[in-house]
Amino acid sequence: MRSRTFLLVAGLVLLPAACTAATGPAPGFSVPTFTTERPDSTPGSTGATGTTGDGQGSVPGSTTTDPGNVSAYVPAQARAEAAAEAAVGGQYGTEEFGLTMRDLTTRAEEVEALVSECMAAAGFEYVAVDFTTIRQAMTSDKSAPGMSGSEYLAQFGHGISTQPDKPIVEIGLGEQNRRILEGLSEPDQVAYRRTLWGENDDATFAFGLESEDFSRTGGCTKSAIEQVFAPYEVSATYFNPADALILLDPRAQEAIDAFAACMSDAGFAYSHPDDVDFDLQLRYDTLVQGREHEELSASEMEQLQSLQDEERAVTAASDSCELSHLEPVLDRIEEEFFGRS
């Protein structure tokens, strides 16, 4: 089951609670384009994702490089409203990208076949990963072998700045490709990973599916995704249309308001749960710039450690506020819309 996206949709009418699962977006479905600039990182500014009281947590301003392939920050509320407006009248499945399990499986297999062709053209062997393995990798996000969910949260937060080599990468690669990679020389391993994933080798296909965000993908992975998924689905402005329909309900808006108040009480000014991970990822990418941690200067390591401490604190607060204020409400609305939670 997909990880739900929790974002505010304001000022929109409530649809009848009678949506049924279907094979995907209705004909002509499109998402309006937004090109909102990133907020600057002025201390104390709230920006679009919010900050902690001392200015931490804000999305950094534009840089000469573009970590994560994000050219402009689109506020969560704008993305949600755009998707909701376009989603009205459509029918969607309950899996990632508003797909049914059958369609999600088909698309995943098509992507993997294209990745294999792309890697072969670059001179590398790559065995298309089966959907069972991809699904296993997706469910491994924010987890580690031998650790409970609470233990992982306490040690790694959401694993963004704290665990760049999280299990989703190795599992998503598949056992056969892992052996192929390990059999290469060190320089060829670097080239293999860069060809497969681009600059962000944690931005695997499985991770993009699980997070419904392909904006950081690169290499053959991105090339394959762009041939299978529609441009609006690959865009950084994407928002799951099925989630958008659920969030038209005033009860969801009230739950989001309760989440924001809960976060404020914890000392964080995030209004939208998804913005927490987006903010942490962008700040991590901006700091690390694709380098290994061992390559960072002493000053950069201090900044990284500070970001890791903040990640543990803010994700603990976010997960607690979601569990208390969001999940019970949205589970109930989703069951009304789709007939199951």
C-alpha atoms as a PDB file:
ATOM      1  CA  MET A   1       0.000   0.000   0.000  1.00  0.00           C
ATOM      2  CA  ARG A   2       1.330   3.402  -0.918  1.00  0.00           C
ATOM      3  CA  SER A   3       2.550   5.833   1.710  1.00  0.00           C
ATOM      4  CA  ARG A   4      -0.093   8.515   1.906  1.00  0.00           C
ATOM      5  CA  THR A   5       0.733  12.131   1.078  1.00  0.00           C
ATOM      6  CA  PHE A   6      -0.673  14.611   3.574  1.00  0.00           C
ATOM      7  CA  LEU A   7      -1.114  18.121   2.178  1.00  0.00           C
ATOM      8  CA  LEU A   8      -3.645  20.892   2.681  1.00  0.00           C
ATOM      9  CA  VAL A   9      -6.248  21.643   0.018  1.00  0.00           C
ATOM     10  CA  ALA A  10      -8.084  24.856   0.786  1.00  0.00           C
ATOM     11  CA  GLY A  11     -11.186  26.493  -0.611  1.00  0.00           C
ATOM     12  CA  LEU A  12     -12.375  23.575  -2.765  1.00  0.00           C
ATOM     13  CA  VAL A  13     -15.759  21.850  -2.884  1.00  0.00           C
ATOM     14  CA  LEU A  14     -16.295  18.431  -1.359  1.00  0.00           C
ATOM     15  CA  LEU A  15     -16.791  15.565  -3.766  1.00  0.00           C
ATOM     16  CA  PRO A  16     -19.366  12.861  -3.030  1.00  0.00           C
ATOM     17  CA  ALA A  17     -17.809  10.033  -1.060  1.00  0.00           C
ATOM     18  CA  ALA A  18     -18.256   7.549  -3.876  1.00  0.00           C
ATOM     19  CA  CYS A  19     -14.994   7.358  -5.787  1.00  0.00           C
ATOM     20  CA  THR A  20     -14.120   3.894  -7.052  1.00  0.00           C
ATOM     21  CA  ALA A  21     -10.771   2.424  -7.958  1.00  0.00           C
ATOM     22  CA  ALA A  22     -10.035   2.325 -11.673  1.00  0.00           C
ATOM     23  CA  THR A  23      -7.115   1.808 -13.961  1.00  0.00           C
ATOM     24  CA  GLY A  24      -5.612   5.287 -13.689  1.00  0.00           C
ATOM     25  CA  PRO A  25      -6.031   8.922 -14.730  1.00  0.00           C
ATOM     26  CA  ALA A  26      -9.034   9.800 -16.790  1.00  0.00           C
ATOM     27  CA  PRO A  27      -8.417  10.872 -20.419  1.00  0.00           C
ATOM     28  CA  GLY A  28      -7.116  14.416 -20.667  1.00  0.00           C
ATOM     29  CA  PHE A  29      -5.877  14.522 -17.056  1.00  0.00           C
ATOM     30  CA  SER A  30      -3.274  17.239 -16.635  1.00  0.00           C
ATOM     31  CA  VAL A  31      -1.733  19.230 -13.828  1.00  0.00           C
ATOM     32  CA  PRO A  32      -1.327  22.997 -14.123  1.00  0.00           C
ATOM     33  CA  THR A  33       2.255  24.223 -14.074  1.00  0.00           C
ATOM     34  CA  PHE A  34       3.535  26.276 -11.154  1.00  0.00           C
ATOM     35  CA  THR A  35       6.928  28.014 -11.132  1.00  0.00           C
ATOM     36  CA  THR A  36       7.154  29.463  -7.668  1.00  0.00           C
ATOM     37  CA  GLU A  37      10.689  30.448  -6.707  1.00  0.00           C
ATOM     38  CA  ARG A  38      12.304  28.893  -3.698  1.00  0.00           C
ATOM     39  CA  PRO A  39      12.035  30.963  -0.538  1.00  0.00           C
ATOM     40  CA  ASP A  40      15.325  32.338   0.665  1.00  0.00           C
ATOM     41  CA  SER A  41      17.018  31.074   3.792  1.00  0.00           C
ATOM     42  CA  THR A  42      16.820  34.302   5.747  1.00  0.00           C
ATOM     43  CA  PRO A  43      16.914  33.382   9.449  1.00  0.00           C
ATOM     44  CA  GLY A  44      13.437  33.358  10.899  1.00  0.00           C
ATOM     45  CA  SER A  45      11.668  33.350   7.522  1.00  0.00           C
ATOM     46  CA  THR A  46       8.829  30.868   7.258  1.00  0.00           C
ATOM     47  CA  GLY A  47       9.129  30.247   3.528  1.00  0.00           C
ATOM     48  CA  ALA A  48       6.870  27.583   2.117  1.00  0.00           C
ATOM     49  CA  THR A  49       8.070  24.655   4.170  1.00  0.00           C
ATOM     50  CA  GLY A  50       8.462  26.497   7.449  1.00  0.00           C
ATOM     51  CA  THR A  51      11.361  26.832   9.837  1.00  0.00           C
ATOM     52  CA  THR A  52      12.237  26.123  13.404  1.00  0.00           C
ATOM     53  CA  GLY A  53      12.351  29.050  15.744  1.00  0.00           C
ATOM     54  CA  ASP A  54      15.993  29.897  15.046  1.00  0.00           C
ATOM     55  CA  GLY A  55      15.692  29.869  11.279  1.00  0.00           C
ATOM     56  CA  GLN A  56      16.670  26.240  10.762  1.00  0.00           C
ATOM     57  CA  GLY A  57      14.388  24.172   8.605  1.00  0.00           C
ATOM     58  CA  SER A  58      13.922  26.701   5.812  1.00  0.00           C
ATOM     59  CA  VAL A  59      14.509  25.709   2.220  1.00  0.00           C
ATOM     60  CA  PRO A  60      17.885  27.075   1.059  1.00  0.00           C
ATOM     61  CA  GLY A  61      17.994  29.655  -1.658  1.00  0.00           C
ATOM     62  CA  SER A  62      18.996  28.798  -5.200  1.00  0.00           C
ATOM     63  CA  THR A  63      22.564  27.621  -5.649  1.00  0.00           C
ATOM     64  CA  THR A  64      24.892  27.488  -8.643  1.00  0.00           C
ATOM     65  CA  THR A  65      24.379  23.732  -8.719  1.00  0.00           C
ATOM     66  CA  ASP A  66      20.972  22.190  -8.365  1.00  0.00           C
ATOM     67  CA  PRO A  67      20.978  19.407  -5.774  1.00  0.00           C
ATOM     68  CA  GLY A  68      18.254  16.899  -6.388  1.00  0.00           C
ATOM     69  CA  ASN A  69      17.450  18.263  -9.835  1.00  0.00           C
ATOM     70  CA  VAL A  70      15.003  20.711  -8.244  1.00  0.00           C
ATOM     71  CA  SER A  71      14.981  23.931 -10.254  1.00  0.00           C
ATOM     72  CA  ALA A  72      12.190  25.683  -8.346  1.00  0.00           C
ATOM     73  CA  TYR A  73      10.407  25.023  -5.122  1.00  0.00           C
ATOM     74  CA  VAL A  74       6.649  24.629  -5.492  1.00  0.00           C
ATOM     75  CA  PRO A  75       4.833  25.078  -2.169  1.00  0.00           C
ATOM     76  CA  ALA A  76       2.952  22.029  -0.980  1.00  0.00           C
ATOM     77  CA  GLN A  77      -0.383  23.802  -0.929  1.00  0.00           C
ATOM     78  CA  ALA A  78       0.029  24.940  -4.553  1.00  0.00           C
ATOM     79  CA  ARG A  79       0.814  21.404  -5.706  1.00  0.00           C
ATOM     80  CA  ALA A  80      -2.146  19.989  -3.818  1.00  0.00           C
ATOM     81  CA  GLU A  81      -4.583  22.568  -5.157  1.00  0.00           C
ATOM     82  CA  ALA A  82      -3.375  22.059  -8.736  1.00  0.00           C
ATOM     83  CA  ALA A  83      -3.781  18.302  -8.501  1.00  0.00           C
ATOM     84  CA  ALA A  84      -7.180  18.572  -6.857  1.00  0.00           C
ATOM     85  CA  GLU A  85      -8.533  20.866  -9.551  1.00  0.00           C
ATOM     86  CA  ALA A  86      -7.363  18.499 -12.289  1.00  0.00           C
ATOM     87  CA  ALA A  87      -8.397  15.309 -10.487  1.00  0.00           C
ATOM     88  CA  VAL A  88     -12.098  16.130 -10.123  1.00  0.00           C
ATOM     89  CA  GLY A  89     -14.119  13.664 -12.189  1.00  0.00           C
ATOM     90  CA  GLY A  90     -11.293  11.160 -12.580  1.00  0.00           C
ATOM     91  CA  GLN A  91     -11.122   7.633 -11.220  1.00  0.00           C
ATOM     92  CA  TYR A  92      -7.975   6.251  -9.655  1.00  0.00           C
ATOM     93  CA  GLY A  93      -6.455   3.251  -7.990  1.00  0.00           C
ATOM     94  CA  THR A  94      -5.157   3.218  -4.424  1.00  0.00           C
ATOM     95  CA  GLU A  95      -1.492   2.560  -5.166  1.00  0.00           C
ATOM     96  CA  GLU A  96       1.351   4.973  -5.899  1.00  0.00           C
ATOM     97  CA  PHE A  97       0.609   7.600  -8.572  1.00  0.00           C
ATOM     98  CA  GLY A  98      -3.100   6.827  -8.286  1.00  0.00           C
ATOM     99  CA  LEU A  99      -2.636   3.491 -10.062  1.00  0.00           C
ATOM    100  CA  THR A 100      -4.109   0.069  -9.479  1.00  0.00           C
ATOM    101  CA  MET A 101      -1.683  -2.641  -8.419  1.00  0.00           C
ATOM    102  CA  ARG A 102      -1.898  -4.178 -11.886  1.00  0.00           C
ATOM    103  CA  ASP A 103      -0.995  -0.927 -13.634  1.00  0.00           C
ATOM    104  CA  LEU A 104       1.746  -0.137 -11.126  1.00  0.00           C
ATOM    105  CA  THR A 105       3.290  -3.567 -11.717  1.00  0.00           C
ATOM    106  CA  THR A 106       3.099  -3.141 -15.493  1.00  0.00           C
ATOM    107  CA  ARG A 107       4.743   0.274 -15.420  1.00  0.00           C
ATOM    108  CA  ALA A 108       7.490  -0.905 -13.097  1.00  0.00           C
ATOM    109  CA  GLU A 109       8.313  -3.822 -15.387  1.00  0.00           C
ATOM    110  CA  GLU A 110       8.382  -1.505 -18.421  1.00  0.00           C
ATOM    111  CA  VAL A 111      10.785   0.867 -16.659  1.00  0.00           C
ATOM    112  CA  GLU A 112      13.119  -1.955 -15.635  1.00  0.00           C
ATOM    113  CA  ALA A 113      13.216  -3.347 -19.188  1.00  0.00           C
ATOM    114  CA  LEU A 114      14.173   0.097 -20.523  1.00  0.00           C
ATOM    115  CA  VAL A 115      16.830   0.520 -17.825  1.00  0.00           C
ATOM    116  CA  SER A 116      18.371  -2.776 -18.916  1.00  0.00           C
ATOM    117  CA  GLU A 117      18.463  -1.619 -22.546  1.00  0.00           C
ATOM    118  CA  CYS A 118      19.990   1.740 -21.585  1.00  0.00           C
ATOM    119  CA  MET A 119      22.696   0.140 -19.434  1.00  0.00           C
ATOM    120  CA  ALA A 120      23.557  -2.330 -22.218  1.00  0.00           C
ATOM    121  CA  ALA A 121      23.921   0.546 -24.665  1.00  0.00           C
ATOM    122  CA  ALA A 122      26.389   2.111 -22.208  1.00  0.00           C
ATOM    123  CA  GLY A 123      28.391  -1.121 -22.031  1.00  0.00           C
ATOM    124  CA  PHE A 124      27.112  -2.449 -18.702  1.00  0.00           C
ATOM    125  CA  GLU A 125      25.184  -5.579 -17.812  1.00  0.00           C
ATOM    126  CA  TYR A 126      21.947  -4.968 -15.936  1.00  0.00           C
ATOM    127  CA  VAL A 127      19.203  -7.489 -15.227  1.00  0.00           C
ATOM    128  CA  ALA A 128      15.705  -5.997 -15.104  1.00  0.00           C
ATOM    129  CA  VAL A 129      14.489  -6.173 -11.499  1.00  0.00           C
ATOM    130  CA  ASP A 130      11.184  -7.948 -10.888  1.00  0.00           C
ATOM    131  CA  PHE A 131       8.303  -6.114  -9.209  1.00  0.00           C
ATOM    132  CA  THR A 132       8.428  -8.278  -6.082  1.00  0.00           C
ATOM    133  CA  THR A 133      11.971  -7.041  -5.433  1.00  0.00           C
ATOM    134  CA  ILE A 134      10.994  -3.460  -6.210  1.00  0.00           C
ATOM    135  CA  ARG A 135       8.071  -3.686  -3.792  1.00  0.00           C
ATOM    136  CA  GLN A 136      10.324  -5.111  -1.106  1.00  0.00           C
ATOM    137  CA  ALA A 137      12.700  -2.189  -1.580  1.00  0.00           C
ATOM    138  CA  MET A 138       9.828   0.297  -1.391  1.00  0.00           C
ATOM    139  CA  THR A 139       8.674  -1.096   1.938  1.00  0.00           C
ATOM    140  CA  SER A 140      12.248  -1.012   3.290  1.00  0.00           C
ATOM    141  CA  ASP A 141      12.325   2.798   3.214  1.00  0.00           C
ATOM    142  CA  LYS A 142      12.738   4.300   6.676  1.00  0.00           C
ATOM    143  CA  SER A 143      13.713   0.918   8.083  1.00  0.00           C
ATOM    144  CA  ALA A 144      16.790  -1.202   8.771  1.00  0.00           C
ATOM    145  CA  PRO A 145      17.282  -4.936   9.343  1.00  0.00           C
ATOM    146  CA  GLY A 146      16.851  -5.963  12.963  1.00  0.00           C
ATOM    147  CA  MET A 147      15.401  -2.614  14.080  1.00  0.00           C
ATOM    148  CA  SER A 148      11.849  -1.749  15.037  1.00  0.00           C
ATOM    149  CA  GLY A 149      10.230   1.332  13.559  1.00  0.00           C
ATOM    150  CA  SER A 150      10.651   3.284  16.783  1.00  0.00           C
ATOM    151  CA  GLU A 151      14.303   2.246  17.091  1.00  0.00           C
ATOM    152  CA  TYR A 152      15.001   3.329  13.519  1.00  0.00           C
ATOM    153  CA  LEU A 153      13.279   6.674  14.081  1.00  0.00           C
ATOM    154  CA  ALA A 154      15.309   7.344  17.224  1.00  0.00           C
ATOM    155  CA  GLN A 155      18.640   6.511  15.554  1.00  0.00           C
ATOM    156  CA  PHE A 156      18.117   7.673  11.972  1.00  0.00           C
ATOM    157  CA  GLY A 157      15.008   9.853  11.822  1.00  0.00           C
ATOM    158  CA  HIS A 158      13.792   9.278   8.257  1.00  0.00           C
ATOM    159  CA  GLY A 159      17.255   8.221   7.089  1.00  0.00           C
ATOM    160  CA  ILE A 160      17.789  11.238   4.818  1.00  0.00           C
ATOM    161  CA  SER A 161      20.920  12.847   6.251  1.00  0.00           C
ATOM    162  CA  THR A 162      21.679  10.030   8.680  1.00  0.00           C
ATOM    163  CA  GLN A 163      21.675   6.939   6.462  1.00  0.00           C
ATOM    164  CA  PRO A 164      22.375   7.636   2.777  1.00  0.00           C
ATOM    165  CA  ASP A 165      23.116   3.928   2.230  1.00  0.00           C
ATOM    166  CA  LYS A 166      19.727   2.790   3.532  1.00  0.00           C
ATOM    167  CA  PRO A 167      18.459  -0.683   2.535  1.00  0.00           C
ATOM    168  CA  ILE A 168      16.163   0.561  -0.235  1.00  0.00           C
ATOM    169  CA  VAL A 169      19.225   1.134  -2.463  1.00  0.00           C
ATOM    170  CA  GLU A 170      20.711  -2.353  -2.202  1.00  0.00           C
ATOM    171  CA  ILE A 171      17.372  -4.159  -2.295  1.00  0.00           C
ATOM    172  CA  GLY A 172      16.152  -2.096  -5.236  1.00  0.00           C
ATOM    173  CA  LEU A 173      19.281  -2.971  -7.200  1.00  0.00           C
ATOM    174  CA  GLY A 174      18.413  -6.665  -6.997  1.00  0.00           C
ATOM    175  CA  GLU A 175      20.672  -9.575  -6.074  1.00  0.00           C
ATOM    176  CA  GLN A 176      21.914 -10.244  -9.623  1.00  0.00           C
ATOM    177  CA  ASN A 177      22.853  -6.623 -10.263  1.00  0.00           C
ATOM    178  CA  ARG A 178      24.495  -6.364  -6.862  1.00  0.00           C
ATOM    179  CA  ARG A 179      26.779  -9.248  -7.794  1.00  0.00           C
ATOM    180  CA  ILE A 180      27.491  -7.676 -11.186  1.00  0.00           C
ATOM    181  CA  LEU A 181      28.398  -4.383  -9.522  1.00  0.00           C
ATOM    182  CA  GLU A 182      30.612  -6.007  -6.894  1.00  0.00           C
ATOM    183  CA  GLY A 183      32.517  -7.853  -9.636  1.00  0.00           C
ATOM    184  CA  LEU A 184      33.648  -4.613 -11.274  1.00  0.00           C
ATOM    185  CA  SER A 185      36.805  -2.650 -10.541  1.00  0.00           C
ATOM    186  CA  GLU A 186      36.362   0.377  -8.299  1.00  0.00           C
ATOM    187  CA  PRO A 187      36.451   2.903 -11.188  1.00  0.00           C
ATOM    188  CA  ASP A 188      33.948   0.805 -13.127  1.00  0.00           C
ATOM    189  CA  GLN A 189      31.699   0.587 -10.077  1.00  0.00           C
ATOM    190  CA  VAL A 190      31.634   4.380  -9.939  1.00  0.00           C
ATOM    191  CA  ALA A 191      30.814   4.541 -13.645  1.00  0.00           C
ATOM    192  CA  TYR A 192      28.137   1.851 -13.298  1.00  0.00           C
ATOM    193  CA  ARG A 193      26.379   3.664 -10.468  1.00  0.00           C
ATOM    194  CA  ARG A 194      26.580   7.010 -12.252  1.00  0.00           C
ATOM    195  CA  THR A 195      25.217   5.508 -15.463  1.00  0.00           C
ATOM    196  CA  LEU A 196      22.377   3.796 -13.616  1.00  0.00           C
ATOM    197  CA  TRP A 197      21.370   6.512 -11.145  1.00  0.00           C
ATOM    198  CA  GLY A 198      23.038   9.753 -12.157  1.00  0.00           C
ATOM    199  CA  GLU A 199      24.427  12.049  -9.457  1.00  0.00           C
ATOM    200  CA  ASN A 200      22.136  10.816  -6.684  1.00  0.00           C
ATOM    201  CA  ASP A 201      22.742   7.101  -6.272  1.00  0.00           C
ATOM    202  CA  ASP A 202      20.185   6.958  -3.491  1.00  0.00           C
ATOM    203  CA  ALA A 203      17.506   8.128  -5.950  1.00  0.00           C
ATOM    204  CA  THR A 204      16.621   4.632  -7.114  1.00  0.00           C
ATOM    205  CA  PHE A 205      13.531   3.738  -9.110  1.00  0.00           C
ATOM    206  CA  ALA A 206      12.062   2.007  -6.029  1.00  0.00           C
ATOM    207  CA  PHE A 207      12.603   5.114  -3.924  1.00  0.00           C
ATOM    208  CA  GLY A 208      11.016   7.339  -6.566  1.00  0.00           C
ATOM    209  CA  LEU A 209       7.971   5.071  -6.690  1.00  0.00           C
ATOM    210  CA  GLU A 210       7.651   4.896  -2.914  1.00  0.00           C
ATOM    211  CA  SER A 211       7.969   8.661  -2.450  1.00  0.00           C
ATOM    212  CA  GLU A 212       6.046   9.509  -5.644  1.00  0.00           C
ATOM    213  CA  ASP A 213       8.912  11.822  -6.536  1.00  0.00           C
ATOM    214  CA  PHE A 214      11.190  11.228  -9.515  1.00  0.00           C
ATOM    215  CA  SER A 215      12.750  14.706  -9.417  1.00  0.00           C
ATOM    216  CA  ARG A 216      16.123  13.472  -8.089  1.00  0.00           C
ATOM    217  CA  THR A 217      16.518  10.513 -10.430  1.00  0.00           C
ATOM    218  CA  GLY A 218      19.159  10.494 -13.139  1.00  0.00           C
ATOM    219  CA  GLY A 219      21.038   8.306 -15.588  1.00  0.00           C
ATOM    220  CA  CYS A 220      19.321   5.349 -17.214  1.00  0.00           C
ATOM    221  CA  THR A 221      16.769   5.310 -14.406  1.00  0.00           C
ATOM    222  CA  LYS A 222      15.481   8.754 -15.290  1.00  0.00           C
ATOM    223  CA  SER A 223      15.599   8.050 -19.017  1.00  0.00           C
ATOM    224  CA  ALA A 224      13.451   4.940 -18.567  1.00  0.00           C
ATOM    225  CA  ILE A 225      10.996   6.623 -16.219  1.00  0.00           C
ATOM    226  CA  GLU A 226      10.430   9.466 -18.675  1.00  0.00           C
ATOM    227  CA  GLN A 227       9.451   6.954 -21.356  1.00  0.00           C
ATOM    228  CA  VAL A 228       6.859   5.235 -19.166  1.00  0.00           C
ATOM    229  CA  PHE A 229       5.444   7.973 -16.933  1.00  0.00           C
ATOM    230  CA  ALA A 230       3.727  11.116 -18.214  1.00  0.00           C
ATOM    231  CA  PRO A 231       5.592  14.449 -17.958  1.00  0.00           C
ATOM    232  CA  TYR A 232       3.323  15.699 -15.170  1.00  0.00           C
ATOM    233  CA  GLU A 233       4.035  12.530 -13.167  1.00  0.00           C
ATOM    234  CA  VAL A 234       7.788  13.115 -13.449  1.00  0.00           C
ATOM    235  CA  SER A 235       7.494  16.826 -12.666  1.00  0.00           C
ATOM    236  CA  ALA A 236       8.557  18.180  -9.272  1.00  0.00           C
ATOM    237  CA  THR A 237       5.035  19.642  -9.029  1.00  0.00           C
ATOM    238  CA  TYR A 238       3.405  16.192  -9.039  1.00  0.00           C
ATOM    239  CA  PHE A 239       0.793  15.300  -6.449  1.00  0.00           C
ATOM    240  CA  ASN A 240      -1.135  12.014  -6.317  1.00  0.00           C
ATOM    241  CA  PRO A 241      -4.629  12.700  -7.712  1.00  0.00           C
ATOM    242  CA  ALA A 242      -6.238  10.060  -5.483  1.00  0.00           C
ATOM    243  CA  ASP A 243      -4.801  11.795  -2.431  1.00  0.00           C
ATOM    244  CA  ALA A 244      -5.986  15.127  -3.793  1.00  0.00           C
ATOM    245  CA  LEU A 245      -9.574  13.861  -3.918  1.00  0.00           C
ATOM    246  CA  ILE A 246      -9.373  12.649  -0.323  1.00  0.00           C
ATOM    247  CA  LEU A 247      -7.991  15.985   0.794  1.00  0.00           C
ATOM    248  CA  LEU A 248     -10.965  17.891  -0.572  1.00  0.00           C
ATOM    249  CA  ASP A 249     -12.827  16.753   2.521  1.00  0.00           C
ATOM    250  CA  PRO A 250     -13.058  19.514   5.190  1.00  0.00           C
ATOM    251  CA  ARG A 251     -12.171  16.929   7.827  1.00  0.00           C
ATOM    252  CA  ALA A 252      -8.781  16.516   6.154  1.00  0.00           C
ATOM    253  CA  GLN A 253      -8.226  20.260   6.257  1.00  0.00           C
ATOM    254  CA  GLU A 254      -9.017  20.301   9.960  1.00  0.00           C
ATOM    255  CA  ALA A 255      -6.595  17.427  10.509  1.00  0.00           C
ATOM    256  CA  ILE A 256      -3.830  19.295   8.673  1.00  0.00           C
ATOM    257  CA  ASP A 257      -4.469  22.357  10.830  1.00  0.00           C
ATOM    258  CA  ALA A 258      -4.204  20.143  13.904  1.00  0.00           C
ATOM    259  CA  PHE A 259      -0.916  18.725  12.599  1.00  0.00           C
ATOM    260  CA  ALA A 260       0.503  22.232  12.100  1.00  0.00           C
ATOM    261  CA  ALA A 261      -0.517  23.233  15.618  1.00  0.00           C
ATOM    262  CA  CYS A 262       1.042  20.052  17.013  1.00  0.00           C
ATOM    263  CA  MET A 263       4.315  20.783  15.204  1.00  0.00           C
ATOM    264  CA  SER A 264       4.272  24.351  16.460  1.00  0.00           C
ATOM    265  CA  ASP A 265       3.896  23.090  20.025  1.00  0.00           C
ATOM    266  CA  ALA A 266       6.967  20.895  19.406  1.00  0.00           C
ATOM    267  CA  GLY A 267       8.956  23.931  18.245  1.00  0.00           C
ATOM    268  CA  PHE A 268       8.736  23.420  14.469  1.00  0.00           C
ATOM    269  CA  ALA A 269       6.840  25.589  11.982  1.00  0.00           C
ATOM    270  CA  TYR A 270       6.079  22.981   9.335  1.00  0.00           C
ATOM    271  CA  SER A 271       2.510  23.182   8.076  1.00  0.00           C
ATOM    272  CA  HIS A 272       2.672  20.115   5.831  1.00  0.00           C
ATOM    273  CA  PRO A 273       4.141  16.699   6.713  1.00  0.00           C
ATOM    274  CA  ASP A 274       5.604  16.083   3.232  1.00  0.00           C
ATOM    275  CA  ASP A 275       7.553  19.322   3.474  1.00  0.00           C
ATOM    276  CA  VAL A 276       9.630  17.909   6.311  1.00  0.00           C
ATOM    277  CA  ASP A 277      11.315  15.287   4.124  1.00  0.00           C
ATOM    278  CA  PHE A 278      11.561  17.655   1.149  1.00  0.00           C
ATOM    279  CA  ASP A 279      13.290  20.259   3.296  1.00  0.00           C
ATOM    280  CA  LEU A 280      15.701  17.765   4.866  1.00  0.00           C
ATOM    281  CA  GLN A 281      16.564  16.210   1.495  1.00  0.00           C
ATOM    282  CA  LEU A 282      17.231  19.533  -0.200  1.00  0.00           C
ATOM    283  CA  ARG A 283      19.386  20.786   2.657  1.00  0.00           C
ATOM    284  CA  TYR A 284      21.320  17.512   2.733  1.00  0.00           C
ATOM    285  CA  ASP A 285      21.903  17.567  -1.030  1.00  0.00           C
ATOM    286  CA  THR A 286      22.945  21.226  -0.881  1.00  0.00           C
ATOM    287  CA  LEU A 287      25.529  20.451   1.803  1.00  0.00           C
ATOM    288  CA  VAL A 288      26.904  17.166   0.478  1.00  0.00           C
ATOM    289  CA  GLN A 289      26.806  17.956  -3.274  1.00  0.00           C
ATOM    290  CA  GLY A 290      27.027  14.280  -4.196  1.00  0.00           C
ATOM    291  CA  ARG A 291      30.180  13.629  -2.135  1.00  0.00           C
ATOM    292  CA  GLU A 292      30.826  10.849   0.351  1.00  0.00           C
ATOM    293  CA  HIS A 293      30.778  11.948   3.982  1.00  0.00           C
ATOM    294  CA  GLU A 294      34.510  11.232   4.209  1.00  0.00           C
ATOM    295  CA  GLU A 295      35.110  13.944   1.613  1.00  0.00           C
ATOM    296  CA  LEU A 296      33.475  16.703   3.665  1.00  0.00           C
ATOM    297  CA  SER A 297      35.567  19.317   5.460  1.00  0.00           C
ATOM    298  CA  ALA A 298      35.554  19.590   9.249  1.00  0.00           C
ATOM    299  CA  SER A 299      33.180  22.535   9.046  1.00  0.00           C
ATOM    300  CA  GLU A 300      30.869  20.671   6.692  1.00  0.00           C
ATOM    301  CA  MET A 301      30.879  17.642   8.982  1.00  0.00           C
ATOM    302  CA  GLU A 302      29.765  19.872  11.854  1.00  0.00           C
ATOM    303  CA  GLN A 303      26.917  21.165   9.682  1.00  0.00           C
ATOM    304  CA  LEU A 304      25.988  17.615   8.740  1.00  0.00           C
ATOM    305  CA  GLN A 305      25.938  16.484  12.364  1.00  0.00           C
ATOM    306  CA  SER A 306      23.722  19.448  13.222  1.00  0.00           C
ATOM    307  CA  LEU A 307      21.370  18.545  10.372  1.00  0.00           C
ATOM    308  CA  GLN A 308      21.286  14.919  11.527  1.00  0.00           C
ATOM    309  CA  ASP A 309      20.359  15.985  15.061  1.00  0.00           C
ATOM    310  CA  GLU A 310      17.635  18.206  13.671  1.00  0.00           C
ATOM    311  CA  GLU A 311      16.337  15.382  11.473  1.00  0.00           C
ATOM    312  CA  ARG A 312      15.957  13.079  14.451  1.00  0.00           C
ATOM    313  CA  ALA A 313      14.068  15.753  16.387  1.00  0.00           C
ATOM    314  CA  VAL A 314      11.780  17.017  13.636  1.00  0.00           C
ATOM    315  CA  THR A 315      10.882  13.578  12.261  1.00  0.00           C
ATOM    316  CA  ALA A 316      10.047  12.314  15.749  1.00  0.00           C
ATOM    317  CA  ALA A 317       7.719  15.277  16.179  1.00  0.00           C
ATOM    318  CA  SER A 318       6.242  14.910  12.701  1.00  0.00           C
ATOM    319  CA  ASP A 319       5.568  11.193  13.029  1.00  0.00           C
ATOM    320  CA  SER A 320       3.957  11.716  16.445  1.00  0.00           C
ATOM    321  CA  CYS A 321       1.754  14.548  15.166  1.00  0.00           C
ATOM    322  CA  GLU A 322       0.724  12.508  12.109  1.00  0.00           C
ATOM    323  CA  LEU A 323      -0.182   9.512  14.245  1.00  0.00           C
ATOM    324  CA  SER A 324      -2.182  11.620  16.673  1.00  0.00           C
ATOM    325  CA  HIS A 325      -3.955  14.033  14.339  1.00  0.00           C
ATOM    326  CA  LEU A 326      -3.800  12.863  10.722  1.00  0.00           C
ATOM    327  CA  GLU A 327      -3.829   9.127  10.272  1.00  0.00           C
ATOM    328  CA  PRO A 328      -7.115   8.336  12.070  1.00  0.00           C
ATOM    329  CA  VAL A 329      -8.962  11.014  10.096  1.00  0.00           C
ATOM    330  CA  LEU A 330      -7.468  10.302   6.687  1.00  0.00           C
ATOM    331  CA  ASP A 331      -7.804   6.545   7.077  1.00  0.00           C
ATOM    332  CA  ARG A 332     -11.509   7.041   7.699  1.00  0.00           C
ATOM    333  CA  ILE A 333     -11.939   9.340   4.681  1.00  0.00           C
ATOM    334  CA  GLU A 334      -9.945   7.001   2.420  1.00  0.00           C
ATOM    335  CA  GLU A 335     -12.139   4.072   3.425  1.00  0.00           C
ATOM    336  CA  GLU A 336     -15.246   6.099   2.544  1.00  0.00           C
ATOM    337  CA  PHE A 337     -13.810   7.046  -0.839  1.00  0.00           C
ATOM    338  CA  PHE A 338     -12.299   3.721  -1.908  1.00  0.00           C
ATOM    339  CA  GLY A 339     -14.103   1.208   0.262  1.00  0.00           C
ATOM    340  CA  ARG A 340     -10.915   0.222   2.118  1.00  0.00           C
ATOM    341  CA  SER A 341      -8.169   1.926   4.077  1.00  0.00           C
END
